[in-house]
């Protein structure tokens, strides 16, 4: 799905833009009912809360340095705001690490080269690794590599599409993304079928 760049003069927030342009078929297929409509049904059946304490993630593909970069960049793409937590709290980096670890070698190569390329950009421009750059500096880098998203030509531009799409998929299939951002309660069911109550159909 095509997307606009991350310019400052957009009237909608970055979160709204990402939600509008990034939630693709894979997410829609997982969520039959979304948003406020599902929450409004009196017969909505909430998904049980999984309150188990999360175990530390064991990296399957990324190095520790690469993982730090993915954590920071995904948080810039879907940052925390007043309504819900961001990609970091949703542990999107863990989703991406697992996804890439099970991907073809070509995809793995794109991630490794893309992370190295944006890290070099950060070092050349700011003198620090991308994971150690400030939030504003990281956003500046993402804006730069997103300018040609419709037709990416460079390693960095192709990497932006990779990490943006993976971040959106990871976030909106996470517990935080589903229940706090999209307010999805799970598939609804009726304890009994009430039937139609229109008088003209009661003959």
N, C-alpha and C. Protein backbone atom coordinates (compact mmCIF):
# COMPACT_ATOMS: atom_id res chain seq x y z
N UNK A 1 0.84 -1.18 0.00
CA UNK A 1 0.00 0.00 0.00
C UNK A 1 0.88 1.24 0.00
N UNK A 2 0.52 2.23 -0.84
CA UNK A 2 1.37 3.40 -0.96
C UNK A 2 1.19 4.32 0.22
N UNK A 3 2.23 5.07 0.53
CA UNK A 3 2.20 5.93 1.69
C UNK A 3 2.85 7.25 1.38
N UNK A 4 2.45 8.27 2.16
CA UNK A 4 3.08 9.58 2.04
C UNK A 4 4.35 9.61 2.87
N UNK A 5 5.19 10.66 2.66
CA UNK A 5 6.39 10.75 3.46
C UNK A 5 6.07 11.29 4.84
N UNK A 6 7.10 11.39 5.69
CA UNK A 6 6.91 11.77 7.08
C UNK A 6 7.14 13.26 7.27
N UNK A 7 6.61 14.11 6.40
CA UNK A 7 6.84 15.55 6.49
C UNK A 7 6.06 16.17 7.62
N UNK A 8 6.54 17.32 8.11
CA UNK A 8 5.94 17.97 9.28
C UNK A 8 4.63 18.67 8.97
N UNK A 9 4.35 18.99 7.69
CA UNK A 9 3.20 19.83 7.39
C UNK A 9 1.92 19.04 7.22
N UNK A 10 1.91 17.78 7.55
CA UNK A 10 0.68 17.01 7.50
C UNK A 10 -0.23 17.43 8.65
N UNK A 11 -1.56 17.44 8.40
CA UNK A 11 -2.49 17.87 9.42
C UNK A 11 -2.86 16.74 10.37
N UNK A 12 -2.59 15.52 9.98
CA UNK A 12 -2.88 14.40 10.86
C UNK A 12 -1.61 13.98 11.55
N UNK A 13 -1.76 13.31 12.68
CA UNK A 13 -0.59 12.89 13.45
C UNK A 13 0.09 11.72 12.76
N UNK A 14 1.35 11.47 13.16
CA UNK A 14 2.10 10.36 12.59
C UNK A 14 1.40 9.04 12.90
N UNK A 15 0.86 8.92 14.13
CA UNK A 15 0.15 7.69 14.50
C UNK A 15 -1.06 7.48 13.60
N UNK A 16 -1.86 8.55 13.37
CA UNK A 16 -3.05 8.43 12.53
C UNK A 16 -2.66 8.06 11.10
N UNK A 17 -1.59 8.67 10.62
CA UNK A 17 -1.14 8.38 9.26
C UNK A 17 -0.73 6.93 9.12
N UNK A 18 0.03 6.45 10.09
CA UNK A 18 0.49 5.07 10.04
C UNK A 18 -0.70 4.12 10.09
N UNK A 19 -1.68 4.45 10.96
CA UNK A 19 -2.85 3.56 11.07
C UNK A 19 -3.61 3.53 9.75
N UNK A 20 -3.76 4.71 9.11
CA UNK A 20 -4.53 4.80 7.89
C UNK A 20 -3.84 4.12 6.71
N UNK A 21 -2.52 4.24 6.62
CA UNK A 21 -1.83 3.74 5.44
C UNK A 21 -1.22 2.38 5.63
N UNK A 22 -1.03 1.97 6.89
CA UNK A 22 -0.20 0.81 7.10
C UNK A 22 -0.91 -0.46 7.48
N UNK A 23 -2.16 -0.39 7.97
CA UNK A 23 -2.82 -1.61 8.41
C UNK A 23 -3.29 -2.37 7.19
N UNK A 24 -2.59 -3.43 6.86
CA UNK A 24 -2.82 -4.13 5.61
C UNK A 24 -3.70 -5.35 5.75
N UNK A 25 -3.71 -6.14 4.69
CA UNK A 25 -4.57 -7.31 4.63
C UNK A 25 -4.26 -8.29 5.74
N UNK A 26 -3.00 -8.45 6.08
CA UNK A 26 -2.64 -9.44 7.09
C UNK A 26 -3.26 -9.11 8.43
N UNK A 27 -3.35 -7.81 8.76
CA UNK A 27 -3.95 -7.42 10.03
C UNK A 27 -5.45 -7.53 9.96
N UNK A 28 -6.04 -7.08 8.84
CA UNK A 28 -7.49 -7.14 8.70
C UNK A 28 -7.99 -8.57 8.80
N UNK A 29 -7.24 -9.50 8.27
CA UNK A 29 -7.64 -10.90 8.31
C UNK A 29 -7.69 -11.43 9.73
N UNK A 30 -6.86 -10.88 10.61
CA UNK A 30 -6.82 -11.34 11.99
C UNK A 30 -7.92 -10.71 12.81
N UNK A 31 -8.41 -9.55 12.39
CA UNK A 31 -9.37 -8.80 13.19
C UNK A 31 -10.69 -8.67 12.45
N UNK A 32 -11.63 -9.59 12.64
CA UNK A 32 -12.91 -9.53 11.93
C UNK A 32 -13.73 -8.31 12.30
N UNK A 33 -13.64 -7.84 13.53
CA UNK A 33 -14.40 -6.68 13.99
C UNK A 33 -13.42 -5.74 14.66
N UNK A 34 -13.43 -4.46 14.28
CA UNK A 34 -12.47 -3.51 14.82
C UNK A 34 -13.17 -2.34 15.49
N UNK A 35 -12.41 -1.71 16.40
CA UNK A 35 -12.72 -0.38 16.87
C UNK A 35 -13.96 -0.24 17.71
N UNK A 36 -14.55 0.97 17.64
CA UNK A 36 -15.63 1.35 18.54
C UNK A 36 -16.89 0.55 18.29
N UNK A 37 -17.12 0.13 17.06
CA UNK A 37 -18.34 -0.62 16.76
C UNK A 37 -18.40 -1.90 17.58
N UNK A 38 -17.28 -2.59 17.67
CA UNK A 38 -17.25 -3.82 18.46
C UNK A 38 -17.46 -3.52 19.93
N UNK A 39 -16.87 -2.42 20.40
CA UNK A 39 -16.98 -2.07 21.81
C UNK A 39 -18.40 -1.68 22.18
N UNK A 40 -19.18 -1.22 21.20
CA UNK A 40 -20.52 -0.71 21.49
C UNK A 40 -21.55 -1.82 21.68
N UNK A 41 -21.28 -3.02 21.17
CA UNK A 41 -22.25 -4.10 21.29
C UNK A 41 -22.37 -4.57 22.74
N UNK A 42 -23.58 -4.68 23.23
CA UNK A 42 -23.79 -5.14 24.60
C UNK A 42 -23.38 -6.59 24.76
N UNK A 43 -23.41 -7.34 23.65
CA UNK A 43 -23.11 -8.77 23.76
C UNK A 43 -21.66 -9.07 23.42
N UNK A 44 -20.81 -8.06 23.38
CA UNK A 44 -19.40 -8.30 23.05
C UNK A 44 -18.75 -9.19 24.10
N UNK A 45 -17.98 -10.15 23.64
CA UNK A 45 -17.32 -11.08 24.55
C UNK A 45 -15.85 -10.73 24.62
N UNK A 46 -15.37 -10.10 25.72
CA UNK A 46 -13.98 -9.66 25.79
C UNK A 46 -13.01 -10.82 25.80
N UNK A 47 -11.89 -10.64 25.13
CA UNK A 47 -10.82 -11.64 25.14
C UNK A 47 -10.19 -11.67 26.52
N UNK A 48 -9.95 -12.85 27.03
CA UNK A 48 -9.36 -12.98 28.36
C UNK A 48 -7.99 -12.34 28.41
N UNK A 49 -7.70 -11.64 29.49
CA UNK A 49 -6.40 -11.00 29.67
C UNK A 49 -5.33 -12.04 29.96
N UNK A 50 -4.22 -11.94 29.26
CA UNK A 50 -3.08 -12.81 29.52
C UNK A 50 -2.15 -12.07 30.47
N UNK A 51 -2.24 -12.37 31.76
CA UNK A 51 -1.51 -11.60 32.76
C UNK A 51 -0.17 -12.20 33.14
N UNK A 52 0.26 -13.17 32.37
CA UNK A 52 1.52 -13.81 32.71
C UNK A 52 2.68 -12.85 32.52
N UNK A 53 3.65 -12.96 33.38
CA UNK A 53 4.82 -12.10 33.31
C UNK A 53 5.67 -12.48 32.11
N UNK A 54 6.01 -11.47 31.31
CA UNK A 54 6.75 -11.72 30.08
C UNK A 54 8.17 -12.18 30.37
N UNK A 55 8.60 -13.17 29.64
CA UNK A 55 9.98 -13.64 29.77
C UNK A 55 10.88 -12.78 28.89
N UNK A 56 12.14 -12.63 29.27
CA UNK A 56 13.07 -11.90 28.41
C UNK A 56 13.16 -12.56 27.04
N UNK A 57 13.20 -11.73 26.01
CA UNK A 57 13.23 -12.26 24.65
C UNK A 57 14.64 -12.73 24.29
N UNK A 58 14.75 -13.90 23.72
CA UNK A 58 16.03 -14.41 23.23
C UNK A 58 16.12 -14.10 21.74
N UNK A 59 17.09 -13.27 21.38
CA UNK A 59 17.22 -12.85 19.99
C UNK A 59 17.49 -14.05 19.08
N UNK A 60 16.75 -14.10 17.97
CA UNK A 60 16.89 -15.19 17.02
C UNK A 60 17.65 -14.77 15.76
N UNK A 61 17.62 -13.49 15.44
CA UNK A 61 18.30 -13.03 14.23
C UNK A 61 19.18 -11.80 14.50
N UNK A 62 18.61 -10.77 15.07
CA UNK A 62 19.35 -9.53 15.25
C UNK A 62 20.47 -9.67 16.27
N UNK A 63 21.54 -8.91 16.06
CA UNK A 63 22.54 -8.75 17.11
C UNK A 63 21.97 -7.79 18.15
N UNK A 64 22.61 -7.69 19.29
CA UNK A 64 22.12 -6.78 20.33
C UNK A 64 22.08 -5.35 19.82
N UNK A 65 23.10 -4.95 19.06
CA UNK A 65 23.14 -3.58 18.53
C UNK A 65 22.03 -3.35 17.50
N UNK A 66 21.81 -4.33 16.63
CA UNK A 66 20.74 -4.21 15.64
C UNK A 66 19.38 -4.14 16.33
N UNK A 67 19.20 -4.95 17.36
CA UNK A 67 17.93 -4.96 18.07
C UNK A 67 17.64 -3.61 18.72
N UNK A 68 18.67 -2.98 19.29
CA UNK A 68 18.48 -1.65 19.88
C UNK A 68 18.02 -0.66 18.82
N UNK A 69 18.59 -0.76 17.63
CA UNK A 69 18.19 0.13 16.55
C UNK A 69 16.74 -0.11 16.15
N UNK A 70 16.34 -1.37 16.05
CA UNK A 70 14.96 -1.70 15.69
C UNK A 70 13.99 -1.19 16.76
N UNK A 71 14.35 -1.34 18.03
CA UNK A 71 13.50 -0.84 19.12
C UNK A 71 13.28 0.66 18.97
N UNK A 72 14.37 1.40 18.76
CA UNK A 72 14.27 2.86 18.69
C UNK A 72 13.54 3.32 17.43
N UNK A 73 13.85 2.74 16.30
CA UNK A 73 13.22 3.18 15.05
C UNK A 73 11.74 2.83 15.01
N UNK A 74 11.37 1.66 15.50
CA UNK A 74 9.95 1.29 15.51
C UNK A 74 9.16 2.21 16.44
N UNK A 75 9.79 2.66 17.53
CA UNK A 75 9.12 3.59 18.44
C UNK A 75 8.93 4.96 17.80
N UNK A 76 9.83 5.35 16.91
CA UNK A 76 9.66 6.62 16.19
C UNK A 76 8.53 6.50 15.18
N UNK A 77 8.33 5.32 14.62
CA UNK A 77 7.27 5.12 13.63
C UNK A 77 5.91 5.08 14.30
N UNK A 78 5.79 4.36 15.42
CA UNK A 78 4.55 4.36 16.21
C UNK A 78 4.93 4.73 17.64
N UNK A 79 4.99 6.02 17.93
CA UNK A 79 5.40 6.46 19.27
C UNK A 79 4.26 6.37 20.26
N UNK A 80 4.60 6.30 21.52
CA UNK A 80 3.58 6.38 22.57
C UNK A 80 2.95 7.76 22.54
N UNK A 81 1.68 7.85 22.84
CA UNK A 81 1.02 9.14 22.97
C UNK A 81 0.03 9.08 24.12
N UNK A 82 -0.83 10.10 24.20
CA UNK A 82 -1.74 10.18 25.35
C UNK A 82 -2.81 9.09 25.33
N UNK A 83 -3.03 8.46 24.19
CA UNK A 83 -4.10 7.47 24.10
C UNK A 83 -3.63 6.04 24.30
N UNK A 84 -2.40 5.75 23.95
CA UNK A 84 -1.93 4.36 24.07
C UNK A 84 -0.42 4.29 23.98
N UNK A 85 0.16 3.18 24.46
CA UNK A 85 1.61 2.98 24.37
C UNK A 85 2.06 2.83 22.92
N UNK A 86 3.37 2.94 22.73
CA UNK A 86 3.92 2.83 21.39
C UNK A 86 4.50 1.46 21.08
N UNK A 87 5.31 1.42 20.02
CA UNK A 87 5.87 0.15 19.55
C UNK A 87 6.79 -0.50 20.56
N UNK A 88 7.51 0.31 21.32
CA UNK A 88 8.44 -0.27 22.30
C UNK A 88 7.69 -1.05 23.36
N UNK A 89 6.63 -0.45 23.92
CA UNK A 89 5.84 -1.13 24.94
C UNK A 89 5.14 -2.36 24.38
N UNK A 90 4.79 -2.32 23.10
CA UNK A 90 4.14 -3.46 22.45
C UNK A 90 5.13 -4.56 22.06
N UNK A 91 6.42 -4.32 22.32
CA UNK A 91 7.48 -5.30 22.06
C UNK A 91 7.52 -5.70 20.58
N UNK A 92 7.33 -4.68 19.75
CA UNK A 92 7.33 -4.91 18.31
C UNK A 92 8.66 -5.46 17.82
N UNK A 93 9.75 -5.04 18.43
CA UNK A 93 11.07 -5.52 17.99
C UNK A 93 11.19 -7.03 18.10
N UNK A 94 10.53 -7.62 19.10
CA UNK A 94 10.57 -9.07 19.28
C UNK A 94 9.81 -9.77 18.15
N UNK A 95 8.68 -9.18 17.77
CA UNK A 95 7.91 -9.70 16.64
C UNK A 95 8.75 -9.66 15.37
N UNK A 96 9.43 -8.53 15.15
CA UNK A 96 10.24 -8.38 13.94
C UNK A 96 11.41 -9.36 13.94
N UNK A 97 12.05 -9.52 15.09
CA UNK A 97 13.17 -10.45 15.19
C UNK A 97 12.74 -11.87 14.83
N UNK A 98 11.61 -12.29 15.36
CA UNK A 98 11.10 -13.63 15.06
C UNK A 98 10.71 -13.75 13.59
N UNK A 99 10.02 -12.72 13.07
CA UNK A 99 9.58 -12.73 11.68
C UNK A 99 10.77 -12.84 10.73
N UNK A 100 11.80 -12.01 10.97
CA UNK A 100 12.96 -12.02 10.08
C UNK A 100 13.72 -13.34 10.19
N UNK A 101 13.77 -13.89 11.40
CA UNK A 101 14.51 -15.15 11.60
C UNK A 101 13.91 -16.29 10.79
N UNK A 102 12.62 -16.19 10.46
CA UNK A 102 11.93 -17.23 9.70
C UNK A 102 11.74 -16.85 8.23
N UNK A 103 12.37 -15.76 7.82
CA UNK A 103 12.24 -15.26 6.45
C UNK A 103 13.32 -15.84 5.54
N UNK A 104 13.13 -15.72 4.23
CA UNK A 104 14.16 -16.18 3.29
C UNK A 104 15.46 -15.39 3.46
N UNK A 105 16.53 -15.96 2.94
CA UNK A 105 17.84 -15.33 3.08
C UNK A 105 17.87 -13.93 2.47
N UNK A 106 17.14 -13.73 1.38
CA UNK A 106 17.11 -12.42 0.74
C UNK A 106 16.54 -11.35 1.65
N UNK A 107 15.49 -11.70 2.39
CA UNK A 107 14.89 -10.76 3.34
C UNK A 107 15.84 -10.47 4.49
N UNK A 108 16.48 -11.50 4.98
CA UNK A 108 17.46 -11.31 6.05
C UNK A 108 18.58 -10.36 5.61
N UNK A 109 19.02 -10.53 4.38
CA UNK A 109 20.08 -9.68 3.83
C UNK A 109 19.61 -8.23 3.76
N UNK A 110 18.36 -8.01 3.36
CA UNK A 110 17.83 -6.65 3.29
C UNK A 110 17.81 -5.98 4.66
N UNK A 111 17.42 -6.72 5.68
CA UNK A 111 17.39 -6.16 7.03
C UNK A 111 18.80 -5.84 7.51
N UNK A 112 19.70 -6.77 7.33
CA UNK A 112 21.07 -6.56 7.81
C UNK A 112 21.72 -5.37 7.10
N UNK A 113 21.56 -5.31 5.79
CA UNK A 113 22.15 -4.21 5.03
C UNK A 113 21.45 -2.89 5.34
N UNK A 114 20.14 -2.93 5.51
CA UNK A 114 19.40 -1.71 5.81
C UNK A 114 19.76 -1.11 7.15
N UNK A 115 19.87 -1.96 8.16
CA UNK A 115 20.26 -1.49 9.49
C UNK A 115 21.68 -0.92 9.47
N UNK A 116 22.57 -1.57 8.74
CA UNK A 116 23.94 -1.06 8.64
C UNK A 116 23.96 0.29 7.92
N UNK A 117 23.12 0.43 6.90
CA UNK A 117 23.10 1.67 6.13
C UNK A 117 22.57 2.85 6.95
N UNK A 118 21.48 2.65 7.69
CA UNK A 118 20.94 3.76 8.47
C UNK A 118 21.84 4.06 9.67
N UNK A 119 22.54 3.06 10.16
CA UNK A 119 23.49 3.30 11.24
C UNK A 119 24.65 4.16 10.72
N UNK A 120 25.10 3.89 9.51
CA UNK A 120 26.16 4.70 8.90
C UNK A 120 25.68 6.13 8.68
N UNK A 121 24.44 6.28 8.22
CA UNK A 121 23.87 7.62 8.04
C UNK A 121 23.92 8.40 9.34
N UNK A 122 23.52 7.73 10.42
CA UNK A 122 23.49 8.39 11.73
C UNK A 122 24.89 8.78 12.18
N UNK A 123 25.84 7.89 12.00
CA UNK A 123 27.22 8.19 12.41
C UNK A 123 27.81 9.33 11.58
N UNK A 124 27.52 9.32 10.28
CA UNK A 124 28.04 10.38 9.41
C UNK A 124 27.41 11.73 9.74
N UNK A 125 26.12 11.72 10.06
CA UNK A 125 25.40 12.97 10.26
C UNK A 125 25.46 13.47 11.69
N UNK A 126 25.39 12.57 12.65
CA UNK A 126 25.29 12.97 14.05
C UNK A 126 26.45 12.50 14.92
N UNK A 127 27.29 11.63 14.38
CA UNK A 127 28.44 11.16 15.13
C UNK A 127 28.15 10.06 16.13
N UNK A 128 26.95 9.47 16.07
CA UNK A 128 26.58 8.39 16.99
C UNK A 128 25.82 7.31 16.24
N UNK A 129 25.79 6.11 16.81
CA UNK A 129 24.97 5.03 16.24
C UNK A 129 23.51 5.44 16.25
N UNK A 130 22.73 4.89 15.33
CA UNK A 130 21.33 5.29 15.24
C UNK A 130 20.58 5.01 16.54
N UNK A 131 20.93 3.93 17.23
CA UNK A 131 20.25 3.61 18.49
C UNK A 131 20.56 4.62 19.58
N UNK A 132 21.69 5.33 19.45
CA UNK A 132 22.09 6.31 20.45
C UNK A 132 21.72 7.74 20.06
N UNK A 133 21.19 7.92 18.88
CA UNK A 133 20.76 9.25 18.44
C UNK A 133 19.53 9.68 19.24
N UNK A 134 19.28 10.98 19.28
CA UNK A 134 18.09 11.47 19.97
C UNK A 134 16.85 11.11 19.16
N UNK A 135 15.68 11.21 19.80
CA UNK A 135 14.43 10.91 19.10
C UNK A 135 14.26 11.81 17.88
N UNK A 136 14.57 13.10 18.02
CA UNK A 136 14.44 14.02 16.90
C UNK A 136 15.39 13.65 15.77
N UNK A 137 16.59 13.23 16.11
CA UNK A 137 17.55 12.82 15.09
C UNK A 137 17.09 11.56 14.38
N UNK A 138 16.53 10.62 15.12
CA UNK A 138 16.02 9.40 14.51
C UNK A 138 14.87 9.70 13.57
N UNK A 139 13.98 10.61 13.97
CA UNK A 139 12.87 11.00 13.10
C UNK A 139 13.41 11.66 11.84
N UNK A 140 14.43 12.49 11.99
CA UNK A 140 15.03 13.15 10.82
C UNK A 140 15.57 12.12 9.83
N UNK A 141 16.22 11.10 10.34
CA UNK A 141 16.73 10.04 9.47
C UNK A 141 15.60 9.30 8.76
N UNK A 142 14.54 9.00 9.50
CA UNK A 142 13.40 8.29 8.91
C UNK A 142 12.71 9.14 7.84
N UNK A 143 12.61 10.44 8.10
CA UNK A 143 12.03 11.33 7.08
C UNK A 143 12.86 11.29 5.80
N UNK A 144 14.15 11.31 5.98
CA UNK A 144 15.05 11.33 4.82
C UNK A 144 14.89 10.06 3.98
N UNK A 145 14.82 8.91 4.60
CA UNK A 145 14.77 7.66 3.83
C UNK A 145 13.35 7.29 3.40
N UNK A 146 12.35 8.07 3.85
CA UNK A 146 10.96 7.79 3.46
C UNK A 146 10.52 8.63 2.27
N UNK A 147 11.35 9.54 1.80
CA UNK A 147 10.94 10.49 0.77
C UNK A 147 10.59 9.82 -0.56
N UNK A 148 11.18 8.68 -0.82
CA UNK A 148 10.95 8.01 -2.09
C UNK A 148 10.28 6.65 -1.87
N UNK A 149 9.36 6.61 -0.90
CA UNK A 149 8.78 5.33 -0.51
C UNK A 149 8.02 4.64 -1.64
N UNK A 150 7.39 5.41 -2.50
CA UNK A 150 6.63 4.79 -3.59
C UNK A 150 7.53 4.03 -4.57
N UNK A 151 8.74 4.50 -4.71
CA UNK A 151 9.66 3.86 -5.64
C UNK A 151 11.08 3.90 -5.07
N UNK A 152 11.32 3.10 -4.03
CA UNK A 152 12.63 3.15 -3.36
C UNK A 152 13.75 2.69 -4.28
N UNK A 153 14.86 3.41 -4.24
CA UNK A 153 15.98 3.11 -5.11
C UNK A 153 17.22 2.66 -4.34
N UNK A 154 17.35 3.10 -3.11
CA UNK A 154 18.56 2.83 -2.34
C UNK A 154 18.30 1.79 -1.26
N UNK A 155 19.37 1.30 -0.68
CA UNK A 155 19.25 0.35 0.44
C UNK A 155 18.46 0.99 1.57
N UNK A 156 18.75 2.25 1.87
CA UNK A 156 18.07 2.94 2.97
C UNK A 156 16.58 3.11 2.70
N UNK A 157 16.24 3.47 1.47
CA UNK A 157 14.83 3.66 1.13
C UNK A 157 14.06 2.35 1.17
N UNK A 158 14.67 1.29 0.70
CA UNK A 158 14.01 -0.02 0.77
C UNK A 158 13.88 -0.48 2.22
N UNK A 159 14.86 -0.13 3.03
CA UNK A 159 14.80 -0.49 4.45
C UNK A 159 13.64 0.22 5.15
N UNK A 160 13.37 1.48 4.78
CA UNK A 160 12.25 2.18 5.41
C UNK A 160 10.95 1.42 5.20
N UNK A 161 10.72 0.96 3.98
CA UNK A 161 9.49 0.21 3.72
C UNK A 161 9.45 -1.06 4.56
N UNK A 162 10.58 -1.72 4.66
CA UNK A 162 10.64 -2.95 5.47
C UNK A 162 10.25 -2.69 6.91
N UNK A 163 10.91 -1.72 7.54
CA UNK A 163 10.70 -1.51 8.97
C UNK A 163 9.35 -0.87 9.25
N UNK A 164 8.86 -0.03 8.35
CA UNK A 164 7.54 0.56 8.57
C UNK A 164 6.46 -0.51 8.53
N UNK A 165 6.49 -1.33 7.48
CA UNK A 165 5.46 -2.37 7.34
C UNK A 165 5.54 -3.39 8.47
N UNK A 166 6.75 -3.77 8.86
CA UNK A 166 6.91 -4.74 9.94
C UNK A 166 6.46 -4.15 11.27
N UNK A 167 6.73 -2.87 11.49
CA UNK A 167 6.30 -2.21 12.73
C UNK A 167 4.79 -2.15 12.82
N UNK A 168 4.15 -1.79 11.73
CA UNK A 168 2.68 -1.71 11.72
C UNK A 168 2.07 -3.09 11.95
N UNK A 169 2.57 -4.11 11.25
CA UNK A 169 2.05 -5.46 11.44
C UNK A 169 2.26 -5.93 12.88
N UNK A 170 3.46 -5.68 13.40
CA UNK A 170 3.76 -6.11 14.77
C UNK A 170 2.92 -5.40 15.80
N UNK A 171 2.73 -4.10 15.61
CA UNK A 171 1.97 -3.32 16.60
C UNK A 171 0.50 -3.69 16.59
N UNK A 172 -0.10 -3.72 15.42
CA UNK A 172 -1.54 -3.94 15.35
C UNK A 172 -1.95 -5.40 15.43
N UNK A 173 -1.01 -6.29 15.67
CA UNK A 173 -1.35 -7.66 16.05
C UNK A 173 -0.87 -7.96 17.46
N UNK A 174 -0.39 -6.95 18.17
CA UNK A 174 0.02 -7.12 19.57
C UNK A 174 -1.18 -6.88 20.48
N UNK A 175 -1.07 -7.30 21.73
CA UNK A 175 -2.15 -7.07 22.69
C UNK A 175 -2.41 -5.58 22.86
N UNK A 176 -1.35 -4.79 22.94
CA UNK A 176 -1.51 -3.35 23.09
C UNK A 176 -2.18 -2.75 21.87
N UNK A 177 -1.72 -3.12 20.69
CA UNK A 177 -2.30 -2.56 19.47
C UNK A 177 -3.75 -2.93 19.28
N UNK A 178 -4.09 -4.17 19.59
CA UNK A 178 -5.46 -4.64 19.40
C UNK A 178 -6.40 -4.06 20.45
N UNK A 179 -6.02 -4.17 21.73
CA UNK A 179 -6.96 -3.85 22.80
C UNK A 179 -6.91 -2.40 23.26
N UNK A 180 -5.76 -1.74 23.13
CA UNK A 180 -5.67 -0.35 23.60
C UNK A 180 -5.78 0.65 22.46
N UNK A 181 -5.22 0.32 21.31
CA UNK A 181 -5.27 1.26 20.19
C UNK A 181 -6.53 1.06 19.36
N UNK A 182 -6.79 -0.19 18.92
CA UNK A 182 -7.97 -0.47 18.11
C UNK A 182 -9.20 -0.80 18.94
N UNK A 183 -9.00 -1.07 20.23
CA UNK A 183 -10.09 -1.38 21.16
C UNK A 183 -10.92 -2.57 20.67
N UNK A 184 -10.23 -3.58 20.17
CA UNK A 184 -10.89 -4.80 19.71
C UNK A 184 -11.16 -5.70 20.90
N UNK A 185 -12.40 -6.19 21.03
CA UNK A 185 -12.77 -7.02 22.17
C UNK A 185 -12.84 -8.50 21.84
N UNK A 186 -12.59 -8.84 20.62
CA UNK A 186 -12.73 -10.24 20.24
C UNK A 186 -14.05 -10.45 19.50
N UNK A 187 -14.19 -11.60 18.89
CA UNK A 187 -15.43 -11.88 18.17
C UNK A 187 -16.62 -11.86 19.11
N UNK A 188 -17.71 -11.25 18.65
CA UNK A 188 -18.91 -11.16 19.46
C UNK A 188 -19.75 -12.42 19.31
N UNK A 189 -20.55 -12.70 20.35
CA UNK A 189 -21.47 -13.81 20.23
C UNK A 189 -22.72 -13.48 21.02
N UNK A 190 -23.84 -14.11 20.66
CA UNK A 190 -25.11 -13.92 21.35
C UNK A 190 -25.42 -15.16 22.16
N UNK A 191 -25.79 -14.98 23.43
CA UNK A 191 -26.16 -16.12 24.26
C UNK A 191 -27.45 -16.75 23.77
N UNK A 192 -28.33 -15.95 23.18
CA UNK A 192 -29.55 -16.48 22.58
C UNK A 192 -29.91 -15.61 21.39
N UNK A 193 -30.59 -16.19 20.41
CA UNK A 193 -30.98 -15.44 19.24
C UNK A 193 -32.32 -14.79 19.52
N UNK A 194 -32.33 -13.45 19.53
CA UNK A 194 -33.55 -12.72 19.88
C UNK A 194 -34.53 -12.71 18.73
N UNK A 195 -34.02 -12.66 17.52
CA UNK A 195 -34.89 -12.59 16.36
C UNK A 195 -35.29 -11.16 16.04
N UNK A 196 -35.98 -10.99 14.94
CA UNK A 196 -36.39 -9.66 14.50
C UNK A 196 -37.55 -9.16 15.36
N UNK A 197 -37.50 -7.88 15.78
CA UNK A 197 -38.58 -7.33 16.60
C UNK A 197 -39.39 -6.27 15.87
N UNK A 198 -39.28 -6.22 14.53
CA UNK A 198 -40.10 -5.28 13.77
C UNK A 198 -41.52 -5.82 13.66
N UNK A 199 -42.55 -5.01 14.00
CA UNK A 199 -43.95 -5.49 14.00
C UNK A 199 -44.37 -6.10 12.67
N UNK A 200 -43.90 -5.50 11.56
CA UNK A 200 -44.34 -5.99 10.25
C UNK A 200 -43.81 -7.38 9.94
N UNK A 201 -42.83 -7.84 10.74
CA UNK A 201 -42.26 -9.17 10.51
C UNK A 201 -42.73 -10.19 11.55
N UNK A 202 -43.70 -9.82 12.36
CA UNK A 202 -44.13 -10.69 13.44
C UNK A 202 -45.38 -11.49 13.08
N UNK A 203 -45.71 -11.62 11.81
CA UNK A 203 -46.90 -12.37 11.41
C UNK A 203 -46.66 -13.87 11.46
